[in-house]
Amino acid sequence: MTTELKLSISRRLTQGSFWLLLAVLAVHLWMQSAPAVIYVISLVPLMIFIPGILADRLRTLIWLGFVLLLYFYNAVQNMAVPEPQAMDIAELVLTVVLFSASMVYARIRQVNNI
């Protein structure tokens, strides 16, 4: 597999899982009838990264990895209940995919000075 193909796949996976994670979080909060303040607390930390992801900035991807750890912790905590909901599973899977894809993408770009 060529470097360009790896870069293309990891970039698409990063962007796709980012938007899906935002959507899953919003729908999950809507299903729980959460107040607006909870929406802000849950979604704004990810929304801060939208300009950097759209502009394809390497530093944004690195910082996104740190912030995703909080979402991963929350998703694992939600999975600890006896019967986790489908949205909990989706949140956990998307968080892991987004973290992995963004770190692979950042690493490939760093190594190849792209």
PDB file of N, CA and C in Angstrom:
ATOM      1  N   MET A   1       0.855  -1.178   0.000  1.00  0.00           N
ATOM      2  CA  MET A   1       0.000   0.000   0.000  1.00  0.00           C
ATOM      3  C   MET A   1       0.899   1.239   0.000  1.00  0.00           C
ATOM      4  N   THR A   2       0.607   2.163  -0.864  1.00  0.00           N
ATOM      5  CA  THR A   2       1.433   3.361  -0.973  1.00  0.00           C
ATOM      6  C   THR A   2       1.108   4.343   0.150  1.00  0.00           C
ATOM      7  N   THR A   3       2.023   5.256   0.362  1.00  0.00           N
ATOM      8  CA  THR A   3       1.840   6.270   1.397  1.00  0.00           C
ATOM      9  C   THR A   3       0.628   7.141   1.108  1.00  0.00           C
ATOM     10  N   GLU A   4       0.438   7.491  -0.159  1.00  0.00           N
ATOM     11  CA  GLU A   4      -0.709   8.336  -0.522  1.00  0.00           C
ATOM     12  C   GLU A   4      -2.027   7.638  -0.220  1.00  0.00           C
ATOM     13  N   LEU A   5      -2.084   6.334  -0.476  1.00  0.00           N
ATOM     14  CA  LEU A   5      -3.305   5.574  -0.207  1.00  0.00           C
ATOM     15  C   LEU A   5      -3.564   5.481   1.295  1.00  0.00           C
ATOM     16  N   LYS A   6      -2.507   5.217   2.069  1.00  0.00           N
ATOM     17  CA  LYS A   6      -2.647   5.169   3.529  1.00  0.00           C
ATOM     18  C   LYS A   6      -3.127   6.511   4.062  1.00  0.00           C
ATOM     19  N   LEU A   7      -2.542   7.573   3.533  1.00  0.00           N
ATOM     20  CA  LEU A   7      -2.924   8.919   3.955  1.00  0.00           C
ATOM     21  C   LEU A   7      -4.377   9.205   3.611  1.00  0.00           C
ATOM     22  N   SER A   8      -4.784   8.844   2.428  1.00  0.00           N
ATOM     23  CA  SER A   8      -6.156   9.085   1.985  1.00  0.00           C
ATOM     24  C   SER A   8      -7.160   8.305   2.836  1.00  0.00           C
ATOM     25  N   ILE A   9      -6.868   7.038   3.076  1.00  0.00           N
ATOM     26  CA  ILE A   9      -7.776   6.205   3.876  1.00  0.00           C
ATOM     27  C   ILE A   9      -7.867   6.722   5.301  1.00  0.00           C
ATOM     28  N   SER A  10      -6.720   7.008   5.913  1.00  0.00           N
ATOM     29  CA  SER A  10      -6.745   7.461   7.306  1.00  0.00           C
ATOM     30  C   SER A  10      -7.393   8.837   7.437  1.00  0.00           C
ATOM     31  N   ARG A  11      -7.220   9.692   6.445  1.00  0.00           N
ATOM     32  CA  ARG A  11      -7.862  11.018   6.489  1.00  0.00           C
ATOM     33  C   ARG A  11      -9.376  10.885   6.381  1.00  0.00           C
ATOM     34  N   ARG A  12      -9.845  10.080   5.436  1.00  0.00           N
ATOM     35  CA  ARG A  12     -11.290   9.879   5.285  1.00  0.00           C
ATOM     36  C   ARG A  12     -11.896   9.232   6.521  1.00  0.00           C
ATOM     37  N   LEU A  13     -11.187   8.262   7.070  1.00  0.00           N
ATOM     38  CA  LEU A  13     -11.666   7.592   8.276  1.00  0.00           C
ATOM     39  C   LEU A  13     -11.709   8.561   9.452  1.00  0.00           C
ATOM     40  N   THR A  14     -10.704   9.418   9.558  1.00  0.00           N
ATOM     41  CA  THR A  14     -10.676  10.419  10.624  1.00  0.00           C
ATOM     42  C   THR A  14     -11.850  11.380  10.491  1.00  0.00           C
ATOM     43  N   GLN A  15     -12.028  11.933   9.312  1.00  0.00           N
ATOM     44  CA  GLN A  15     -13.114  12.901   9.128  1.00  0.00           C
ATOM     45  C   GLN A  15     -14.483  12.248   9.267  1.00  0.00           C
ATOM     46  N   GLY A  16     -14.647  11.076   8.698  1.00  0.00           N
ATOM     47  CA  GLY A  16     -15.936  10.393   8.791  1.00  0.00           C
ATOM     48  C   GLY A  16     -16.305  10.028  10.215  1.00  0.00           C
ATOM     49  N   SER A  17     -15.358   9.475  10.957  1.00  0.00           N
ATOM     50  CA  SER A  17     -15.653   9.088  12.338  1.00  0.00           C
ATOM     51  C   SER A  17     -15.839  10.317  13.232  1.00  0.00           C
ATOM     52  N   PHE A  18     -15.171  11.425  12.904  1.00  0.00           N
ATOM     53  CA  PHE A  18     -15.362  12.653  13.676  1.00  0.00           C
ATOM     54  C   PHE A  18     -16.802  13.141  13.551  1.00  0.00           C
ATOM     55  N   TRP A  19     -17.292  13.241  12.304  1.00  0.00           N
ATOM     56  CA  TRP A  19     -18.662  13.725  12.088  1.00  0.00           C
ATOM     57  C   TRP A  19     -19.687  12.743  12.648  1.00  0.00           C
ATOM     58  N   LEU A  20     -19.423  11.456  12.507  1.00  0.00           N
ATOM     59  CA  LEU A  20     -20.346  10.459  13.064  1.00  0.00           C
ATOM     60  C   LEU A  20     -20.382  10.520  14.589  1.00  0.00           C
ATOM     61  N   LEU A  21     -19.215  10.726  15.212  1.00  0.00           N
ATOM     62  CA  LEU A  21     -19.184  10.828  16.671  1.00  0.00           C
ATOM     63  C   LEU A  21     -19.981  12.036  17.142  1.00  0.00           C
ATOM     64  N   LEU A  22     -19.825  13.162  16.472  1.00  0.00           N
ATOM     65  CA  LEU A  22     -20.626  14.340  16.827  1.00  0.00           C
ATOM     66  C   LEU A  22     -22.119  14.041  16.701  1.00  0.00           C
ATOM     67  N   ALA A  23     -22.502  13.378  15.626  1.00  0.00           N
ATOM     68  CA  ALA A  23     -23.916  13.049  15.409  1.00  0.00           C
ATOM     69  C   ALA A  23     -24.427  12.068  16.458  1.00  0.00           C
ATOM     70  N   VAL A  24     -23.649  11.049  16.758  1.00  0.00           N
ATOM     71  CA  VAL A  24     -24.063  10.053  17.755  1.00  0.00           C
ATOM     72  C   VAL A  24     -24.213  10.701  19.122  1.00  0.00           C
ATOM     73  N   LEU A  25     -23.280  11.558  19.489  1.00  0.00           N
ATOM     74  CA  LEU A  25     -23.381  12.243  20.780  1.00  0.00           C
ATOM     75  C   LEU A  25     -24.632  13.114  20.835  1.00  0.00           C
ATOM     76  N   ALA A  26     -24.905  13.844  19.768  1.00  0.00           N
ATOM     77  CA  ALA A  26     -26.083  14.713  19.740  1.00  0.00           C
ATOM     78  C   ALA A  26     -27.373  13.902  19.825  1.00  0.00           C
ATOM     79  N   VAL A  27     -27.453  12.826  19.067  1.00  0.00           N
ATOM     80  CA  VAL A  27     -28.658  11.980  19.093  1.00  0.00           C
ATOM     81  C   VAL A  27     -28.819  11.310  20.449  1.00  0.00           C
ATOM     82  N   HIS A  28     -27.716  10.857  21.017  1.00  0.00           N
ATOM     83  CA  HIS A  28     -27.764  10.214  22.330  1.00  0.00           C
ATOM     84  C   HIS A  28     -28.284  11.184  23.396  1.00  0.00           C
ATOM     85  N   LEU A  29     -27.800  12.411  23.357  1.00  0.00           N
ATOM     86  CA  LEU A  29     -28.274  13.418  24.309  1.00  0.00           C
ATOM     87  C   LEU A  29     -29.741  13.748  24.062  1.00  0.00           C
ATOM     88  N   TRP A  30     -30.142  13.803  22.798  1.00  0.00           N
ATOM     89  CA  TRP A  30     -31.534  14.084  22.463  1.00  0.00           C
ATOM     90  C   TRP A  30     -32.439  12.966  22.973  1.00  0.00           C
ATOM     91  N   MET A  31     -31.998  11.720  22.834  1.00  0.00           N
ATOM     92  CA  MET A  31     -32.789  10.576  23.309  1.00  0.00           C
ATOM     93  C   MET A  31     -32.952  10.597  24.825  1.00  0.00           C
ATOM     94  N   GLN A  32     -31.965  11.158  25.519  1.00  0.00           N
ATOM     95  CA  GLN A  32     -32.025  11.245  26.979  1.00  0.00           C
ATOM     96  C   GLN A  32     -32.736  12.503  27.452  1.00  0.00           C
ATOM     97  N   SER A  33     -33.206  13.323  26.533  1.00  0.00           N
ATOM     98  CA  SER A  33     -33.862  14.604  26.850  1.00  0.00           C
ATOM     99  C   SER A  33     -32.977  15.476  27.733  1.00  0.00           C
ATOM    100  N   ALA A  34     -31.721  15.570  27.354  1.00  0.00           N
ATOM    101  CA  ALA A  34     -30.759  16.344  28.133  1.00  0.00           C
ATOM    102  C   ALA A  34     -31.015  17.838  27.962  1.00  0.00           C
ATOM    103  N   PRO A  35     -30.777  18.621  29.027  1.00  0.00           N
ATOM    104  CA  PRO A  35     -30.914  20.078  28.900  1.00  0.00           C
ATOM    105  C   PRO A  35     -29.814  20.655  28.001  1.00  0.00           C
ATOM    106  N   ALA A  36     -30.038  21.878  27.555  1.00  0.00           N
ATOM    107  CA  ALA A  36     -29.117  22.526  26.612  1.00  0.00           C
ATOM    108  C   ALA A  36     -27.703  22.643  27.165  1.00  0.00           C
ATOM    109  N   VAL A  37     -27.588  22.834  28.454  1.00  0.00           N
ATOM    110  CA  VAL A  37     -26.261  22.988  29.060  1.00  0.00           C
ATOM    111  C   VAL A  37     -25.436  21.709  28.892  1.00  0.00           C
ATOM    112  N   ILE A  38     -26.084  20.572  28.928  1.00  0.00           N
ATOM    113  CA  ILE A  38     -25.381  19.301  28.750  1.00  0.00           C
ATOM    114  C   ILE A  38     -24.922  19.155  27.298  1.00  0.00           C
ATOM    115  N   TYR A  39     -25.747  19.621  26.364  1.00  0.00           N
ATOM    116  CA  TYR A  39     -25.334  19.629  24.957  1.00  0.00           C
ATOM    117  C   TYR A  39     -24.052  20.436  24.799  1.00  0.00           C
ATOM    118  N   VAL A  40     -24.026  21.602  25.396  1.00  0.00           N
ATOM    119  CA  VAL A  40     -22.857  22.486  25.284  1.00  0.00           C
ATOM    120  C   VAL A  40     -21.630  21.818  25.885  1.00  0.00           C
ATOM    121  N   ILE A  41     -21.776  21.270  27.078  1.00  0.00           N
ATOM    122  CA  ILE A  41     -20.645  20.636  27.758  1.00  0.00           C
ATOM    123  C   ILE A  41     -20.139  19.432  26.967  1.00  0.00           C
ATOM    124  N   SER A  42     -21.042  18.701  26.349  1.00  0.00           N
ATOM    125  CA  SER A  42     -20.659  17.483  25.637  1.00  0.00           C
ATOM    126  C   SER A  42     -20.128  17.728  24.230  1.00  0.00           C
ATOM    127  N   LEU A  43     -20.688  18.692  23.529  1.00  0.00           N
ATOM    128  CA  LEU A  43     -20.357  18.846  22.113  1.00  0.00           C
ATOM    129  C   LEU A  43     -19.325  19.929  21.806  1.00  0.00           C
ATOM    130  N   VAL A  44     -19.274  20.984  22.599  1.00  0.00           N
ATOM    131  CA  VAL A  44     -18.355  22.092  22.298  1.00  0.00           C
ATOM    132  C   VAL A  44     -16.887  21.660  22.299  1.00  0.00           C
ATOM    133  N   PRO A  45     -16.436  20.802  23.235  1.00  0.00           N
ATOM    134  CA  PRO A  45     -15.023  20.405  23.157  1.00  0.00           C
ATOM    135  C   PRO A  45     -14.638  19.763  21.823  1.00  0.00           C
ATOM    136  N   LEU A  46     -15.543  19.023  21.216  1.00  0.00           N
ATOM    137  CA  LEU A  46     -15.253  18.450  19.897  1.00  0.00           C
ATOM    138  C   LEU A  46     -15.426  19.477  18.788  1.00  0.00           C
ATOM    139  N   MET A  47     -16.405  20.354  18.941  1.00  0.00           N
ATOM    140  CA  MET A  47     -16.674  21.350  17.901  1.00  0.00           C
ATOM    141  C   MET A  47     -15.531  22.353  17.755  1.00  0.00           C
ATOM    142  N   ILE A  48     -14.752  22.515  18.792  1.00  0.00           N
ATOM    143  CA  ILE A  48     -13.593  23.406  18.729  1.00  0.00           C
ATOM    144  C   ILE A  48     -12.613  22.941  17.648  1.00  0.00           C
ATOM    145  N   PHE A  49     -12.585  21.648  17.388  1.00  0.00           N
ATOM    146  CA  PHE A  49     -11.633  21.085  16.434  1.00  0.00           C
ATOM    147  C   PHE A  49     -12.114  21.118  14.985  1.00  0.00           C
ATOM    148  N   ILE A  50     -13.343  21.534  14.738  1.00  0.00           N
ATOM    149  CA  ILE A  50     -13.888  21.528  13.374  1.00  0.00           C
ATOM    150  C   ILE A  50     -13.032  22.347  12.398  1.00  0.00           C
ATOM    151  N   PRO A  51     -12.654  23.594  12.715  1.00  0.00           N
ATOM    152  CA  PRO A  51     -11.835  24.349  11.743  1.00  0.00           C
ATOM    153  C   PRO A  51     -10.502  23.671  11.429  1.00  0.00           C
ATOM    154  N   GLY A  52      -9.859  23.109  12.434  1.00  0.00           N
ATOM    155  CA  GLY A  52      -8.576  22.442  12.217  1.00  0.00           C
ATOM    156  C   GLY A  52      -8.696  21.166  11.411  1.00  0.00           C
ATOM    157  N   ILE A  53      -9.782  20.439  11.618  1.00  0.00           N
ATOM    158  CA  ILE A  53      -9.990  19.210  10.853  1.00  0.00           C
ATOM    159  C   ILE A  53     -10.301  19.551   9.397  1.00  0.00           C
ATOM    160  N   LEU A  54     -11.113  20.570   9.193  1.00  0.00           N
ATOM    161  CA  LEU A  54     -11.432  20.974   7.820  1.00  0.00           C
ATOM    162  C   LEU A  54     -10.206  21.533   7.100  1.00  0.00           C
ATOM    163  N   ALA A  55      -9.328  22.216   7.846  1.00  0.00           N
ATOM    164  CA  ALA A  55      -8.113  22.784   7.252  1.00  0.00           C
ATOM    165  C   ALA A  55      -6.965  21.774   7.211  1.00  0.00           C
ATOM    166  N   ASP A  56      -7.188  20.579   7.763  1.00  0.00           N
ATOM    167  CA  ASP A  56      -6.197  19.496   7.733  1.00  0.00           C
ATOM    168  C   ASP A  56      -4.912  19.870   8.474  1.00  0.00           C
ATOM    169  N   ARG A  57      -5.059  20.389   9.687  1.00  0.00           N
ATOM    170  CA  ARG A  57      -3.903  20.787  10.494  1.00  0.00           C
ATOM    171  C   ARG A  57      -3.437  19.623  11.371  1.00  0.00           C
ATOM    172  N   LEU A  58      -2.158  19.368  11.341  1.00  0.00           N
ATOM    173  CA  LEU A  58      -1.569  18.262  12.089  1.00  0.00           C
ATOM    174  C   LEU A  58      -1.706  18.457  13.595  1.00  0.00           C
ATOM    175  N   ARG A  59      -1.455  19.660  14.061  1.00  0.00           N
ATOM    176  CA  ARG A  59      -1.528  19.942  15.496  1.00  0.00           C
ATOM    177  C   ARG A  59      -2.937  19.696  16.042  1.00  0.00           C
ATOM    178  N   THR A  60      -3.938  19.985  15.241  1.00  0.00           N
ATOM    179  CA  THR A  60      -5.323  19.752  15.648  1.00  0.00           C
ATOM    180  C   THR A  60      -5.560  18.272  15.902  1.00  0.00           C
ATOM    181  N   LEU A  61      -5.038  17.432  15.028  1.00  0.00           N
ATOM    182  CA  LEU A  61      -5.220  15.990  15.196  1.00  0.00           C
ATOM    183  C   LEU A  61      -4.549  15.485  16.464  1.00  0.00           C
ATOM    184  N   ILE A  62      -3.395  16.036  16.766  1.00  0.00           N
ATOM    185  CA  ILE A  62      -2.678  15.616  17.969  1.00  0.00           C
ATOM    186  C   ILE A  62      -3.462  16.011  19.218  1.00  0.00           C
ATOM    187  N   TRP A  63      -3.963  17.235  19.260  1.00  0.00           N
ATOM    188  CA  TRP A  63      -4.749  17.673  20.412  1.00  0.00           C
ATOM    189  C   TRP A  63      -6.089  16.951  20.499  1.00  0.00           C
ATOM    190  N   LEU A  64      -6.641  16.610  19.365  1.00  0.00           N
ATOM    191  CA  LEU A  64      -7.887  15.854  19.348  1.00  0.00           C
ATOM    192  C   LEU A  64      -7.709  14.523  20.071  1.00  0.00           C
ATOM    193  N   GLY A  65      -6.551  13.914  19.912  1.00  0.00           N
ATOM    194  CA  GLY A  65      -6.267  12.657  20.605  1.00  0.00           C
ATOM    195  C   GLY A  65      -6.360  12.791  22.111  1.00  0.00           C
ATOM    196  N   PHE A  66      -5.868  13.892  22.652  1.00  0.00           N
ATOM    197  CA  PHE A  66      -5.951  14.112  24.099  1.00  0.00           C
ATOM    198  C   PHE A  66      -7.396  14.291  24.553  1.00  0.00           C
ATOM    199  N   VAL A  67      -8.152  15.065  23.817  1.00  0.00           N
ATOM    200  CA  VAL A  67      -9.550  15.326  24.186  1.00  0.00           C
ATOM    201  C   VAL A  67     -10.389  14.059  24.050  1.00  0.00           C
ATOM    202  N   LEU A  68     -10.070  13.236  23.067  1.00  0.00           N
ATOM    203  CA  LEU A  68     -10.832  11.999  22.868  1.00  0.00           C
ATOM    204  C   LEU A  68     -10.713  11.043  24.047  1.00  0.00           C
ATOM    205  N   LEU A  69      -9.649  11.165  24.808  1.00  0.00           N
ATOM    206  CA  LEU A  69      -9.514  10.304  25.986  1.00  0.00           C
ATOM    207  C   LEU A  69     -10.653  10.532  26.976  1.00  0.00           C
ATOM    208  N   LEU A  70     -11.132  11.762  27.079  1.00  0.00           N
ATOM    209  CA  LEU A  70     -12.271  12.049  27.959  1.00  0.00           C
ATOM    210  C   LEU A  70     -13.541  11.375  27.445  1.00  0.00           C
ATOM    211  N   TYR A  71     -13.739  11.409  26.139  1.00  0.00           N
ATOM    212  CA  TYR A  71     -14.910  10.764  25.542  1.00  0.00           C
ATOM    213  C   TYR A  71     -14.803   9.242  25.653  1.00  0.00           C
ATOM    214  N   PHE A  72     -13.585   8.723  25.538  1.00  0.00           N
ATOM    215  CA  PHE A  72     -13.367   7.285  25.698  1.00  0.00           C
ATOM    216  C   PHE A  72     -13.704   6.860  27.125  1.00  0.00           C
ATOM    217  N   TYR A  73     -13.236   7.634  28.086  1.00  0.00           N
ATOM    218  CA  TYR A  73     -13.533   7.334  29.489  1.00  0.00           C
ATOM    219  C   TYR A  73     -15.040   7.323  29.724  1.00  0.00           C
ATOM    220  N   ASN A  74     -15.732   8.316  29.201  1.00  0.00           N
ATOM    221  CA  ASN A  74     -17.180   8.398  29.359  1.00  0.00           C
ATOM    222  C   ASN A  74     -17.875   7.211  28.688  1.00  0.00           C
ATOM    223  N   ALA A  75     -17.415   6.828  27.504  1.00  0.00           N
ATOM    224  CA  ALA A  75     -18.026   5.704  26.784  1.00  0.00           C
ATOM    225  C   ALA A  75     -17.818   4.391  27.533  1.00  0.00           C
ATOM    226  N   VAL A  76     -16.631   4.194  28.075  1.00  0.00           N
ATOM    227  CA  VAL A  76     -16.367   2.974  28.850  1.00  0.00           C
ATOM    228  C   VAL A  76     -17.229   2.957  30.105  1.00  0.00           C
ATOM    229  N   GLN A  77     -17.372   4.100  30.734  1.00  0.00           N
ATOM    230  CA  GLN A  77     -18.212   4.193  31.923  1.00  0.00           C
ATOM    231  C   GLN A  77     -19.673   3.880  31.583  1.00  0.00           C
ATOM    232  N   ASN A  78     -20.150   4.351  30.436  1.00  0.00           N
ATOM    233  CA  ASN A  78     -21.518   4.052  30.006  1.00  0.00           C
ATOM    234  C   ASN A  78     -21.700   2.574  29.675  1.00  0.00           C
ATOM    235  N   MET A  79     -20.641   1.907  29.276  1.00  0.00           N
ATOM    236  CA  MET A  79     -20.716   0.483  28.943  1.00  0.00           C
ATOM    237  C   MET A  79     -20.728  -0.400  30.187  1.00  0.00           C
ATOM    238  N   ALA A  80     -20.431   0.169  31.343  1.00  0.00           N
ATOM    239  CA  ALA A  80     -20.334  -0.615  32.572  1.00  0.00           C
ATOM    240  C   ALA A  80     -21.693  -0.991  33.155  1.00  0.00           C
ATOM    241  N   VAL A  81     -22.767  -0.466  32.597  1.00  0.00           N
ATOM    242  CA  VAL A  81     -24.102  -0.813  33.095  1.00  0.00           C
ATOM    243  C   VAL A  81     -24.459  -2.214  32.600  1.00  0.00           C
ATOM    244  N   PRO A  82     -25.401  -2.878  33.281  1.00  0.00           N
ATOM    245  CA  PRO A  82     -25.752  -4.249  32.871  1.00  0.00           C
ATOM    246  C   PRO A  82     -26.212  -4.378  31.413  1.00  0.00           C
ATOM    247  N   GLU A  83     -26.982  -3.414  30.915  1.00  0.00           N
ATOM    248  CA  GLU A  83     -27.456  -3.478  29.528  1.00  0.00           C
ATOM    249  C   GLU A  83     -27.159  -2.156  28.818  1.00  0.00           C
ATOM    250  N   PRO A  84     -25.962  -2.034  28.215  1.00  0.00           N
ATOM    251  CA  PRO A  84     -25.641  -0.778  27.525  1.00  0.00           C
ATOM    252  C   PRO A  84     -26.515  -0.588  26.288  1.00  0.00           C
ATOM    253  N   GLN A  85     -26.805   0.676  25.991  1.00  0.00           N
ATOM    254  CA  GLN A  85     -27.612   1.004  24.820  1.00  0.00           C
ATOM    255  C   GLN A  85     -26.746   0.953  23.558  1.00  0.00           C
ATOM    256  N   ALA A  86     -27.409   0.893  22.423  1.00  0.00           N
ATOM    257  CA  ALA A  86     -26.690   0.862  21.139  1.00  0.00           C
ATOM    258  C   ALA A  86     -25.858   2.128  20.953  1.00  0.00           C
ATOM    259  N   MET A  87     -26.374   3.266  21.426  1.00  0.00           N
ATOM    260  CA  MET A  87     -25.630   4.525  21.291  1.00  0.00           C
ATOM    261  C   MET A  87     -24.348   4.504  22.125  1.00  0.00           C
ATOM    262  N   ASP A  88     -24.370   3.822  23.259  1.00  0.00           N
ATOM    263  CA  ASP A  88     -23.161   3.697  24.073  1.00  0.00           C
ATOM    264  C   ASP A  88     -22.095   2.901  23.322  1.00  0.00           C
ATOM    265  N   ILE A  89     -22.526   1.828  22.689  1.00  0.00           N
ATOM    266  CA  ILE A  89     -21.600   1.001  21.913  1.00  0.00           C
ATOM    267  C   ILE A  89     -21.054   1.801  20.729  1.00  0.00           C
ATOM    268  N   ALA A  90     -21.933   2.517  20.038  1.00  0.00           N
ATOM    269  CA  ALA A  90     -21.508   3.330  18.891  1.00  0.00           C
ATOM    270  C   ALA A  90     -20.517   4.406  19.322  1.00  0.00           C
ATOM    271  N   GLU A  91     -20.773   5.030  20.458  1.00  0.00           N
ATOM    272  CA  GLU A  91     -19.866   6.072  20.959  1.00  0.00           C
ATOM    273  C   GLU A  91     -18.483   5.495  21.250  1.00  0.00           C
ATOM    274  N   LEU A  92     -18.445   4.334  21.875  1.00  0.00           N
ATOM    275  CA  LEU A  92     -17.164   3.707  22.192  1.00  0.00           C
ATOM    276  C   LEU A  92     -16.409   3.325  20.920  1.00  0.00           C
ATOM    277  N   VAL A  93     -17.094   2.690  19.988  1.00  0.00           N
ATOM    278  CA  VAL A  93     -16.450   2.263  18.741  1.00  0.00           C
ATOM    279  C   VAL A  93     -15.946   3.470  17.951  1.00  0.00           C
ATOM    280  N   LEU A  94     -16.770   4.500  17.828  1.00  0.00           N
ATOM    281  CA  LEU A  94     -16.364   5.685  17.064  1.00  0.00           C
ATOM    282  C   LEU A  94     -15.202   6.420  17.727  1.00  0.00           C
ATOM    283  N   THR A  95     -15.183   6.444  19.038  1.00  0.00           N
ATOM    284  CA  THR A  95     -14.075   7.092  19.747  1.00  0.00           C
ATOM    285  C   THR A  95     -12.769   6.357  19.478  1.00  0.00           C
ATOM    286  N   VAL A  96     -12.808   5.034  19.539  1.00  0.00           N
ATOM    287  CA  VAL A  96     -11.601   4.243  19.284  1.00  0.00           C
ATOM    288  C   VAL A  96     -11.157   4.387  17.827  1.00  0.00           C
ATOM    289  N   VAL A  97     -12.103   4.331  16.901  1.00  0.00           N
ATOM    290  CA  VAL A  97     -11.770   4.469  15.476  1.00  0.00           C
ATOM    291  C   VAL A  97     -11.201   5.858  15.194  1.00  0.00           C
ATOM    292  N   LEU A  98     -11.831   6.890  15.736  1.00  0.00           N
ATOM    293  CA  LEU A  98     -11.354   8.255  15.508  1.00  0.00           C
ATOM    294  C   LEU A  98      -9.964   8.456  16.089  1.00  0.00           C
ATOM    295  N   PHE A  99      -9.734   7.981  17.290  1.00  0.00           N
ATOM    296  CA  PHE A  99      -8.416   8.121  17.906  1.00  0.00           C
ATOM    297  C   PHE A  99      -7.361   7.400  17.067  1.00  0.00           C
ATOM    298  N   SER A 100      -7.637   6.153  16.718  1.00  0.00           N
ATOM    299  CA  SER A 100      -6.666   5.361  15.957  1.00  0.00           C
ATOM    300  C   SER A 100      -6.394   5.970  14.587  1.00  0.00           C
ATOM    301  N   ALA A 101      -7.448   6.331  13.871  1.00  0.00           N
ATOM    302  CA  ALA A 101      -7.279   6.882  12.523  1.00  0.00           C
ATOM    303  C   ALA A 101      -6.547   8.217  12.552  1.00  0.00           C
ATOM    304  N   SER A 102      -6.880   9.066  13.512  1.00  0.00           N
ATOM    305  CA  SER A 102      -6.222  10.374  13.566  1.00  0.00           C
ATOM    306  C   SER A 102      -4.749  10.246  13.946  1.00  0.00           C
ATOM    307  N   MET A 103      -4.418   9.298  14.815  1.00  0.00           N
ATOM    308  CA  MET A 103      -3.018   9.113  15.183  1.00  0.00           C
ATOM    309  C   MET A 103      -2.220   8.500  14.033  1.00  0.00           C
ATOM    310  N   VAL A 104      -2.826   7.564  13.302  1.00  0.00           N
ATOM    311  CA  VAL A 104      -2.151   6.994  12.127  1.00  0.00           C
ATOM    312  C   VAL A 104      -1.919   8.084  11.084  1.00  0.00           C
ATOM    313  N   TYR A 105      -2.937   8.886  10.835  1.00  0.00           N
ATOM    314  CA  TYR A 105      -2.830   9.965   9.853  1.00  0.00           C
ATOM    315  C   TYR A 105      -1.748  10.968  10.264  1.00  0.00           C
ATOM    316  N   ALA A 106      -1.753  11.352  11.531  1.00  0.00           N
ATOM    317  CA  ALA A 106      -0.753  12.307  12.018  1.00  0.00           C
ATOM    318  C   ALA A 106       0.652  11.723  11.917  1.00  0.00           C
ATOM    319  N   ARG A 107       0.794  10.457  12.241  1.00  0.00           N
ATOM    320  CA  ARG A 107       2.111   9.826  12.204  1.00  0.00           C
ATOM    321  C   ARG A 107       2.639   9.722  10.769  1.00  0.00           C
ATOM    322  N   ILE A 108       1.783   9.323   9.847  1.00  0.00           N
ATOM    323  CA  ILE A 108       2.206   9.224   8.443  1.00  0.00           C
ATOM    324  C   ILE A 108       2.632  10.597   7.928  1.00  0.00           C
ATOM    325  N   ARG A 109       1.873  11.617   8.281  1.00  0.00           N
ATOM    326  CA  ARG A 109       2.231  12.974   7.837  1.00  0.00           C
ATOM    327  C   ARG A 109       3.546  13.428   8.459  1.00  0.00           C
ATOM    328  N   GLN A 110       3.761  13.095   9.734  1.00  0.00           N
ATOM    329  CA  GLN A 110       5.003  13.498  10.403  1.00  0.00           C
ATOM    330  C   GLN A 110       6.212  12.816   9.781  1.00  0.00           C
ATOM    331  N   VAL A 111       6.110  11.527   9.578  1.00  0.00           N
ATOM    332  CA  VAL A 111       7.241  10.763   9.052  1.00  0.00           C
ATOM    333  C   VAL A 111       7.606  11.213   7.645  1.00  0.00           C
ATOM    334  N   ASN A 112       6.608  11.517   6.838  1.00  0.00           N
ATOM    335  CA  ASN A 112       6.844  11.886   5.443  1.00  0.00           C
ATOM    336  C   ASN A 112       6.915  13.392   5.211  1.00  0.00           C
ATOM    337  N   ASN A 113       6.870  14.183   6.282  1.00  0.00           N
ATOM    338  CA  ASN A 113       6.916  15.648   6.190  1.00  0.00           C
ATOM    339  C   ASN A 113       5.898  16.197   5.196  1.00  0.00           C
ATOM    340  N   ILE A 114       4.681  15.743   5.335  1.00  0.00           N
ATOM    341  CA  ILE A 114       3.601  16.187   4.434  1.00  0.00           C
ATOM    342  C   ILE A 114       2.771  17.231   5.143  1.00  0.00           C
TER     343      ILE A 114
END
